[in-house]
């Protein structure tokens, strides 16, 4: 009886040691598997998320159906974003800009948009290169905005609340009121091409009003114009144009 008990205890010890060793091997194999770098000739995905070791989202590569709507201070923007491209996030998880493209034919005419934008910390884009086209009229250029010091997440929270209003008319009024009360974010610089095929550099004041423009029109005629706060030309070189 005692001998049988000793055999059973010995068997249990061997079993416990063997099980522990097997578990250790499996855990080690799983850990190694998680750090293996793969090489692929081609992959097809709808969306791919790149994260840091702690899980913080840093980059989204997506088609137009699954693009991230954007996020600031943990608040996700309640909106559709039907644009394919890349979207970047910083160390605290805020969206900080990206690269997007759209392009299609509408009634036989081209309609397209493309842009690469860089966001101010805790705010919207502060510099970007963009292109847009509608019915053969095209604009392309470099833009710089003067963003406020307030956090964009404050505006996001208000817009998300308004977006939950069921009545379309009331929702539109609420959205318009929120945007009207938001701190100004004027465009201070544009350098590019306008729909009239002129090349221009436009410098604006803190209210977003153009005050100085350098232009070469579609026929090759150059001019420099100084404008007042109401947009009236107060001086021009050459004087006759």
C-alpha atoms as a PDB file:
ATOM      1  CA  UNK A   1       0.000   0.000   0.000  1.00  0.00           C
ATOM      2  CA  UNK A   2       2.747   2.454   0.964  1.00  0.00           C
ATOM      3  CA  UNK A   3       4.790   1.445  -2.072  1.00  0.00           C
ATOM      4  CA  UNK A   4       1.806   2.097  -4.324  1.00  0.00           C
ATOM      5  CA  UNK A   5       1.322   5.516  -2.726  1.00  0.00           C
ATOM      6  CA  UNK A   6       4.993   6.374  -3.225  1.00  0.00           C
ATOM      7  CA  UNK A   7       4.761   5.379  -6.896  1.00  0.00           C
ATOM      8  CA  UNK A   8       1.733   7.560  -7.373  1.00  0.00           C
ATOM      9  CA  UNK A   9       3.459  10.557  -5.735  1.00  0.00           C
ATOM     10  CA  UNK A  10       6.546  10.010  -7.877  1.00  0.00           C
ATOM     11  CA  UNK A  11       4.360   9.879 -10.986  1.00  0.00           C
ATOM     12  CA  UNK A  12       2.641  13.114 -10.017  1.00  0.00           C
ATOM     13  CA  UNK A  13       6.016  14.862  -9.523  1.00  0.00           C
ATOM     14  CA  UNK A  14       7.252  13.710 -12.928  1.00  0.00           C
ATOM     15  CA  UNK A  15       3.959  14.785 -14.509  1.00  0.00           C
ATOM     16  CA  UNK A  16       4.107  18.231 -12.889  1.00  0.00           C
ATOM     17  CA  UNK A  17       7.734  18.785 -13.973  1.00  0.00           C
ATOM     18  CA  UNK A  18       7.017  17.596 -17.525  1.00  0.00           C
ATOM     19  CA  UNK A  19       3.909  19.788 -17.818  1.00  0.00           C
ATOM     20  CA  UNK A  20       5.845  22.833 -16.601  1.00  0.00           C
ATOM     21  CA  UNK A  21       8.592  22.230 -19.132  1.00  0.00           C
ATOM     22  CA  UNK A  22       6.088  21.822 -21.953  1.00  0.00           C
ATOM     23  CA  UNK A  23       4.297  25.028 -20.900  1.00  0.00           C
ATOM     24  CA  UNK A  24       7.617  26.900 -20.775  1.00  0.00           C
ATOM     25  CA  UNK A  25       8.514  25.722 -24.283  1.00  0.00           C
ATOM     26  CA  UNK A  26       5.110  26.737 -25.633  1.00  0.00           C
ATOM     27  CA  UNK A  27       5.302  30.209 -24.022  1.00  0.00           C
ATOM     28  CA  UNK A  28       8.800  30.754 -25.402  1.00  0.00           C
ATOM     29  CA  UNK A  29       7.691  29.663 -28.857  1.00  0.00           C
ATOM     30  CA  UNK A  30       4.690  31.987 -28.712  1.00  0.00           C
ATOM     31  CA  UNK A  31       6.871  34.921 -27.662  1.00  0.00           C
ATOM     32  CA  UNK A  32       9.309  34.274 -30.472  1.00  0.00           C
ATOM     33  CA  UNK A  33       6.457  33.924 -32.927  1.00  0.00           C
ATOM     34  CA  UNK A  34       5.162  37.382 -31.912  1.00  0.00           C
ATOM     35  CA  UNK A  35       8.440  39.054 -32.804  1.00  0.00           C
ATOM     36  CA  UNK A  36       9.083  37.267 -36.085  1.00  0.00           C
ATOM     37  CA  UNK A  37       9.343  39.582 -39.096  1.00  0.00           C
ATOM     38  CA  UNK A  38       7.415  38.373 -42.111  1.00  0.00           C
ATOM     39  CA  UNK A  39       8.149  39.031 -45.764  1.00  0.00           C
ATOM     40  CA  UNK A  40       5.366  39.083 -48.344  1.00  0.00           C
ATOM     41  CA  UNK A  41       5.382  39.646 -52.078  1.00  0.00           C
ATOM     42  CA  UNK A  42       1.843  41.064 -51.994  1.00  0.00           C
ATOM     43  CA  UNK A  43      -0.952  41.634 -49.491  1.00  0.00           C
ATOM     44  CA  UNK A  44      -4.524  42.834 -49.976  1.00  0.00           C
ATOM     45  CA  UNK A  45      -6.228  44.627 -47.085  1.00  0.00           C
ATOM     46  CA  UNK A  46      -9.082  47.051 -46.495  1.00  0.00           C
ATOM     47  CA  UNK A  47      -7.327  48.798 -43.617  1.00  0.00           C
ATOM     48  CA  UNK A  48      -4.077  48.379 -41.730  1.00  0.00           C
ATOM     49  CA  UNK A  49      -3.317  49.871 -38.294  1.00  0.00           C
ATOM     50  CA  UNK A  50       0.258  50.508 -37.133  1.00  0.00           C
ATOM     51  CA  UNK A  51       0.629  50.712 -33.342  1.00  0.00           C
ATOM     52  CA  UNK A  52       3.398  51.272 -30.803  1.00  0.00           C
ATOM     53  CA  UNK A  53       4.447  48.546 -28.389  1.00  0.00           C
ATOM     54  CA  UNK A  54       1.896  49.863 -25.852  1.00  0.00           C
ATOM     55  CA  UNK A  55      -0.929  49.700 -28.412  1.00  0.00           C
ATOM     56  CA  UNK A  56      -1.077  53.425 -29.218  1.00  0.00           C
ATOM     57  CA  UNK A  57      -2.366  53.929 -32.758  1.00  0.00           C
ATOM     58  CA  UNK A  58       0.242  55.731 -34.901  1.00  0.00           C
ATOM     59  CA  UNK A  59      -0.738  55.163 -38.530  1.00  0.00           C
ATOM     60  CA  UNK A  60      -3.819  54.047 -40.472  1.00  0.00           C
ATOM     61  CA  UNK A  61      -3.605  52.926 -44.094  1.00  0.00           C
ATOM     62  CA  UNK A  62      -7.142  52.517 -45.363  1.00  0.00           C
ATOM     63  CA  UNK A  63      -9.547  52.379 -48.268  1.00  0.00           C
ATOM     64  CA  UNK A  64     -12.378  54.926 -48.439  1.00  0.00           C
ATOM     65  CA  UNK A  65     -14.843  52.631 -46.688  1.00  0.00           C
ATOM     66  CA  UNK A  66     -12.850  52.114 -43.479  1.00  0.00           C
ATOM     67  CA  UNK A  67     -10.858  55.309 -42.990  1.00  0.00           C
ATOM     68  CA  UNK A  68     -10.504  56.471 -39.379  1.00  0.00           C
ATOM     69  CA  UNK A  69     -12.730  59.548 -38.742  1.00  0.00           C
ATOM     70  CA  UNK A  70     -10.060  61.312 -36.642  1.00  0.00           C
ATOM     71  CA  UNK A  71      -9.497  61.672 -32.916  1.00  0.00           C
ATOM     72  CA  UNK A  72      -8.302  64.275 -30.397  1.00  0.00           C
ATOM     73  CA  UNK A  73      -7.900  63.879 -26.621  1.00  0.00           C
ATOM     74  CA  UNK A  74      -9.577  60.498 -26.890  1.00  0.00           C
ATOM     75  CA  UNK A  75     -12.662  61.984 -28.593  1.00  0.00           C
ATOM     76  CA  UNK A  76     -13.485  60.399 -31.951  1.00  0.00           C
ATOM     77  CA  UNK A  77     -15.079  62.695 -34.522  1.00  0.00           C
ATOM     78  CA  UNK A  78     -18.615  61.583 -35.361  1.00  0.00           C
ATOM     79  CA  UNK A  79     -18.418  61.754 -39.145  1.00  0.00           C
ATOM     80  CA  UNK A  80     -17.967  59.720 -42.278  1.00  0.00           C
ATOM     81  CA  UNK A  81     -14.605  60.081 -44.016  1.00  0.00           C
ATOM     82  CA  UNK A  82     -14.899  58.457 -47.470  1.00  0.00           C
ATOM     83  CA  UNK A  83     -11.285  59.058 -48.493  1.00  0.00           C
ATOM     84  CA  UNK A  84      -8.532  56.529 -49.071  1.00  0.00           C
ATOM     85  CA  UNK A  85      -5.024  57.280 -47.882  1.00  0.00           C
ATOM     86  CA  UNK A  86      -2.786  57.544 -44.838  1.00  0.00           C
ATOM     87  CA  UNK A  87      -3.629  59.057 -41.463  1.00  0.00           C
ATOM     88  CA  UNK A  88      -0.976  59.759 -38.801  1.00  0.00           C
ATOM     89  CA  UNK A  89      -1.279  59.939 -35.005  1.00  0.00           C
ATOM     90  CA  UNK A  90       1.172  61.280 -32.412  1.00  0.00           C
ATOM     91  CA  UNK A  91       2.412  59.743 -29.158  1.00  0.00           C
ATOM     92  CA  UNK A  92      -0.725  60.763 -27.218  1.00  0.00           C
ATOM     93  CA  UNK A  93      -3.092  59.283 -29.811  1.00  0.00           C
ATOM     94  CA  UNK A  94      -4.175  62.509 -31.541  1.00  0.00           C
ATOM     95  CA  UNK A  95      -4.584  62.656 -35.303  1.00  0.00           C
ATOM     96  CA  UNK A  96      -1.870  64.911 -36.743  1.00  0.00           C
ATOM     97  CA  UNK A  97      -2.583  64.922 -40.465  1.00  0.00           C
ATOM     98  CA  UNK A  98      -2.272  62.632 -43.417  1.00  0.00           C
ATOM     99  CA  UNK A  99      -2.423  62.020 -47.133  1.00  0.00           C
ATOM    100  CA  UNK A 100      -5.749  61.482 -48.911  1.00  0.00           C
ATOM    101  CA  UNK A 101      -7.041  61.143 -52.483  1.00  0.00           C
ATOM    102  CA  UNK A 102     -10.422  61.129 -54.199  1.00  0.00           C
ATOM    103  CA  UNK A 103     -11.289  61.126 -57.898  1.00  0.00           C
ATOM    104  CA  UNK A 104     -14.326  60.210 -59.959  1.00  0.00           C
ATOM    105  CA  UNK A 105     -16.408  61.189 -62.973  1.00  0.00           C
ATOM    106  CA  UNK A 106     -19.730  62.939 -62.352  1.00  0.00           C
ATOM    107  CA  UNK A 107     -21.937  63.416 -65.434  1.00  0.00           C
ATOM    108  CA  UNK A 108     -18.905  62.880 -67.620  1.00  0.00           C
ATOM    109  CA  UNK A 109     -16.794  65.535 -65.867  1.00  0.00           C
ATOM    110  CA  UNK A 110     -13.878  64.955 -63.558  1.00  0.00           C
ATOM    111  CA  UNK A 111     -14.091  65.706 -59.858  1.00  0.00           C
ATOM    112  CA  UNK A 112     -11.056  65.131 -57.668  1.00  0.00           C
ATOM    113  CA  UNK A 113      -9.309  66.169 -54.478  1.00  0.00           C
ATOM    114  CA  UNK A 114      -5.915  65.357 -53.019  1.00  0.00           C
ATOM    115  CA  UNK A 115      -3.961  66.710 -50.119  1.00  0.00           C
ATOM    116  CA  UNK A 116      -1.206  66.211 -47.619  1.00  0.00           C
ATOM    117  CA  UNK A 117      -1.823  68.033 -44.340  1.00  0.00           C
ATOM    118  CA  UNK A 118       0.166  68.619 -41.146  1.00  0.00           C
ATOM    119  CA  UNK A 119      -1.752  69.509 -37.981  1.00  0.00           C
ATOM    120  CA  UNK A 120      -0.853  71.912 -35.225  1.00  0.00           C
ATOM    121  CA  UNK A 121      -0.511  70.208 -31.817  1.00  0.00           C
ATOM    122  CA  UNK A 122      -4.025  69.737 -30.392  1.00  0.00           C
ATOM    123  CA  UNK A 123      -5.488  71.555 -33.406  1.00  0.00           C
ATOM    124  CA  UNK A 124      -6.331  71.173 -37.101  1.00  0.00           C
ATOM    125  CA  UNK A 125      -4.063  71.486 -40.128  1.00  0.00           C
ATOM    126  CA  UNK A 126      -1.619  74.376 -40.057  1.00  0.00           C
ATOM    127  CA  UNK A 127       0.192  73.677 -43.328  1.00  0.00           C
ATOM    128  CA  UNK A 128      -0.778  71.659 -46.361  1.00  0.00           C
ATOM    129  CA  UNK A 129      -0.451  71.023 -50.081  1.00  0.00           C
ATOM    130  CA  UNK A 130      -3.755  70.432 -51.834  1.00  0.00           C
ATOM    131  CA  UNK A 131      -5.369  70.005 -55.253  1.00  0.00           C
ATOM    132  CA  UNK A 132      -9.031  70.152 -56.206  1.00  0.00           C
ATOM    133  CA  UNK A 133     -10.890  69.935 -59.508  1.00  0.00           C
ATOM    134  CA  UNK A 134     -14.539  70.371 -60.460  1.00  0.00           C
ATOM    135  CA  UNK A 135     -15.813  70.564 -64.051  1.00  0.00           C
ATOM    136  CA  UNK A 136     -12.396  71.431 -65.451  1.00  0.00           C
ATOM    137  CA  UNK A 137     -11.688  74.209 -62.923  1.00  0.00           C
ATOM    138  CA  UNK A 138      -8.585  73.407 -60.910  1.00  0.00           C
ATOM    139  CA  UNK A 139      -6.863  74.806 -57.855  1.00  0.00           C
ATOM    140  CA  UNK A 140      -3.536  73.588 -56.525  1.00  0.00           C
ATOM    141  CA  UNK A 141      -1.096  75.026 -54.044  1.00  0.00           C
ATOM    142  CA  UNK A 142       0.588  75.396 -50.681  1.00  0.00           C
ATOM    143  CA  UNK A 143      -1.513  76.789 -47.814  1.00  0.00           C
ATOM    144  CA  UNK A 144      -0.698  77.948 -44.270  1.00  0.00           C
ATOM    145  CA  UNK A 145      -3.326  78.511 -41.560  1.00  0.00           C
ATOM    146  CA  UNK A 146      -3.106  80.381 -38.258  1.00  0.00           C
ATOM    147  CA  UNK A 147      -4.782  78.087 -35.742  1.00  0.00           C
ATOM    148  CA  UNK A 148      -5.985  79.168 -32.265  1.00  0.00           C
ATOM    149  CA  UNK A 149      -4.507  77.980 -28.965  1.00  0.00           C
ATOM    150  CA  UNK A 150      -7.750  76.271 -27.897  1.00  0.00           C
ATOM    151  CA  UNK A 151      -7.970  72.493 -28.185  1.00  0.00           C
ATOM    152  CA  UNK A 152      -9.791  71.091 -31.178  1.00  0.00           C
ATOM    153  CA  UNK A 153     -11.333  68.445 -28.895  1.00  0.00           C
ATOM    154  CA  UNK A 154     -13.587  71.145 -27.396  1.00  0.00           C
ATOM    155  CA  UNK A 155     -15.089  71.804 -30.835  1.00  0.00           C
ATOM    156  CA  UNK A 156     -15.299  68.068 -31.584  1.00  0.00           C
ATOM    157  CA  UNK A 157     -17.314  67.459 -28.412  1.00  0.00           C
ATOM    158  CA  UNK A 158     -19.828  70.182 -29.335  1.00  0.00           C
ATOM    159  CA  UNK A 159     -20.141  69.024 -32.955  1.00  0.00           C
ATOM    160  CA  UNK A 160     -20.633  65.403 -31.870  1.00  0.00           C
ATOM    161  CA  UNK A 161     -23.462  66.499 -29.558  1.00  0.00           C
ATOM    162  CA  UNK A 162     -25.107  68.494 -32.355  1.00  0.00           C
ATOM    163  CA  UNK A 163     -24.711  65.577 -34.740  1.00  0.00           C
ATOM    164  CA  UNK A 164     -26.934  63.477 -32.474  1.00  0.00           C
ATOM    165  CA  UNK A 165     -29.901  65.838 -32.988  1.00  0.00           C
ATOM    166  CA  UNK A 166     -32.572  63.927 -34.907  1.00  0.00           C
ATOM    167  CA  UNK A 167     -34.272  66.830 -36.698  1.00  0.00           C
ATOM    168  CA  UNK A 168     -32.192  67.773 -39.790  1.00  0.00           C
ATOM    169  CA  UNK A 169     -33.126  71.460 -39.657  1.00  0.00           C
ATOM    170  CA  UNK A 170     -32.296  71.775 -35.968  1.00  0.00           C
ATOM    171  CA  UNK A 171     -29.079  69.871 -36.512  1.00  0.00           C
ATOM    172  CA  UNK A 172     -28.053  72.264 -39.297  1.00  0.00           C
ATOM    173  CA  UNK A 173     -28.758  75.296 -37.111  1.00  0.00           C
ATOM    174  CA  UNK A 174     -26.795  73.854 -34.205  1.00  0.00           C
ATOM    175  CA  UNK A 175     -23.828  72.984 -36.432  1.00  0.00           C
ATOM    176  CA  UNK A 176     -23.796  76.479 -37.974  1.00  0.00           C
ATOM    177  CA  UNK A 177     -23.969  78.142 -34.552  1.00  0.00           C
ATOM    178  CA  UNK A 178     -21.112  76.051 -33.200  1.00  0.00           C
ATOM    179  CA  UNK A 179     -18.876  76.778 -36.185  1.00  0.00           C
ATOM    180  CA  UNK A 180     -19.723  80.494 -36.074  1.00  0.00           C
ATOM    181  CA  UNK A 181     -18.723  80.663 -32.404  1.00  0.00           C
ATOM    182  CA  UNK A 182     -15.496  78.708 -32.901  1.00  0.00           C
ATOM    183  CA  UNK A 183     -12.198  80.622 -32.657  1.00  0.00           C
ATOM    184  CA  UNK A 184     -11.042  81.929 -36.055  1.00  0.00           C
ATOM    185  CA  UNK A 185      -8.472  79.957 -38.002  1.00  0.00           C
ATOM    186  CA  UNK A 186      -7.588  82.180 -40.971  1.00  0.00           C
ATOM    187  CA  UNK A 187      -5.556  81.109 -43.960  1.00  0.00           C
ATOM    188  CA  UNK A 188      -2.497  83.361 -43.976  1.00  0.00           C
ATOM    189  CA  UNK A 189      -0.737  82.169 -47.117  1.00  0.00           C
ATOM    190  CA  UNK A 190      -1.619  80.611 -50.442  1.00  0.00           C
ATOM    191  CA  UNK A 191       0.909  79.959 -53.186  1.00  0.00           C
ATOM    192  CA  UNK A 192      -0.296  78.133 -56.253  1.00  0.00           C
ATOM    193  CA  UNK A 193      -2.636  78.072 -59.227  1.00  0.00           C
ATOM    194  CA  UNK A 194      -6.252  79.336 -59.305  1.00  0.00           C
ATOM    195  CA  UNK A 195      -9.176  78.179 -61.470  1.00  0.00           C
ATOM    196  CA  UNK A 196      -8.596  81.092 -63.883  1.00  0.00           C
ATOM    197  CA  UNK A 197      -5.151  79.550 -64.564  1.00  0.00           C
ATOM    198  CA  UNK A 198      -3.285  82.371 -62.885  1.00  0.00           C
ATOM    199  CA  UNK A 199      -0.302  81.666 -60.657  1.00  0.00           C
ATOM    200  CA  UNK A 200      -0.487  83.641 -57.431  1.00  0.00           C
ATOM    201  CA  UNK A 201       0.956  84.218 -53.984  1.00  0.00           C
ATOM    202  CA  UNK A 202      -1.564  85.678 -51.552  1.00  0.00           C
ATOM    203  CA  UNK A 203      -0.660  86.948 -48.065  1.00  0.00           C
ATOM    204  CA  UNK A 204      -3.535  87.584 -45.648  1.00  0.00           C
ATOM    205  CA  UNK A 205      -3.957  89.371 -42.335  1.00  0.00           C
ATOM    206  CA  UNK A 206      -5.007  87.855 -38.991  1.00  0.00           C
ATOM    207  CA  UNK A 207      -8.639  87.977 -40.118  1.00  0.00           C
ATOM    208  CA  UNK A 208      -7.896  85.960 -43.253  1.00  0.00           C
ATOM    209  CA  UNK A 209      -8.336  88.947 -45.598  1.00  0.00           C
ATOM    210  CA  UNK A 210      -5.861  89.038 -48.518  1.00  0.00           C
ATOM    211  CA  UNK A 211      -3.674  92.146 -48.211  1.00  0.00           C
ATOM    212  CA  UNK A 212      -0.891  91.492 -50.714  1.00  0.00           C
ATOM    213  CA  UNK A 213      -1.011  89.416 -53.899  1.00  0.00           C
ATOM    214  CA  UNK A 214       1.620  88.632 -56.510  1.00  0.00           C
ATOM    215  CA  UNK A 215       0.040  87.314 -59.687  1.00  0.00           C
ATOM    216  CA  UNK A 216       0.929  86.175 -63.185  1.00  0.00           C
ATOM    217  CA  UNK A 217      -2.276  85.646 -65.162  1.00  0.00           C
ATOM    218  CA  UNK A 218      -2.985  83.024 -67.824  1.00  0.00           C
ATOM    219  CA  UNK A 219      -1.675  85.376 -70.546  1.00  0.00           C
ATOM    220  CA  UNK A 220       1.626  85.931 -68.742  1.00  0.00           C
ATOM    221  CA  UNK A 221       0.896  89.419 -67.371  1.00  0.00           C
ATOM    222  CA  UNK A 222       2.440  90.049 -63.925  1.00  0.00           C
ATOM    223  CA  UNK A 223       1.092  92.351 -61.219  1.00  0.00           C
ATOM    224  CA  UNK A 224       1.444  93.179 -57.543  1.00  0.00           C
ATOM    225  CA  UNK A 225      -1.594  94.395 -55.621  1.00  0.00           C
ATOM    226  CA  UNK A 226      -2.031  95.872 -52.137  1.00  0.00           C
ATOM    227  CA  UNK A 227      -5.520  95.586 -50.642  1.00  0.00           C
ATOM    228  CA  UNK A 228      -7.314  97.130 -47.678  1.00  0.00           C
ATOM    229  CA  UNK A 229      -9.400  95.273 -45.074  1.00  0.00           C
ATOM    230  CA  UNK A 230     -12.450  95.362 -47.341  1.00  0.00           C
ATOM    231  CA  UNK A 231     -10.567  93.751 -50.224  1.00  0.00           C
ATOM    232  CA  UNK A 232     -10.276  96.928 -52.280  1.00  0.00           C
ATOM    233  CA  UNK A 233      -7.047  97.391 -54.259  1.00  0.00           C
ATOM    234  CA  UNK A 234      -5.319 100.519 -52.903  1.00  0.00           C
ATOM    235  CA  UNK A 235      -2.125 100.220 -54.933  1.00  0.00           C
ATOM    236  CA  UNK A 236      -1.011  98.207 -57.954  1.00  0.00           C
ATOM    237  CA  UNK A 237       2.182  97.599 -59.899  1.00  0.00           C
ATOM    238  CA  UNK A 238       2.042  98.217 -62.771  1.00  0.00           C
ATOM    239  CA  UNK A 239      -0.664 100.839 -62.233  1.00  0.00           C
ATOM    240  CA  UNK A 240      -2.449 100.016 -65.468  1.00  0.00           C
ATOM    241  CA  UNK A 241      -3.731  96.502 -65.809  1.00  0.00           C
END
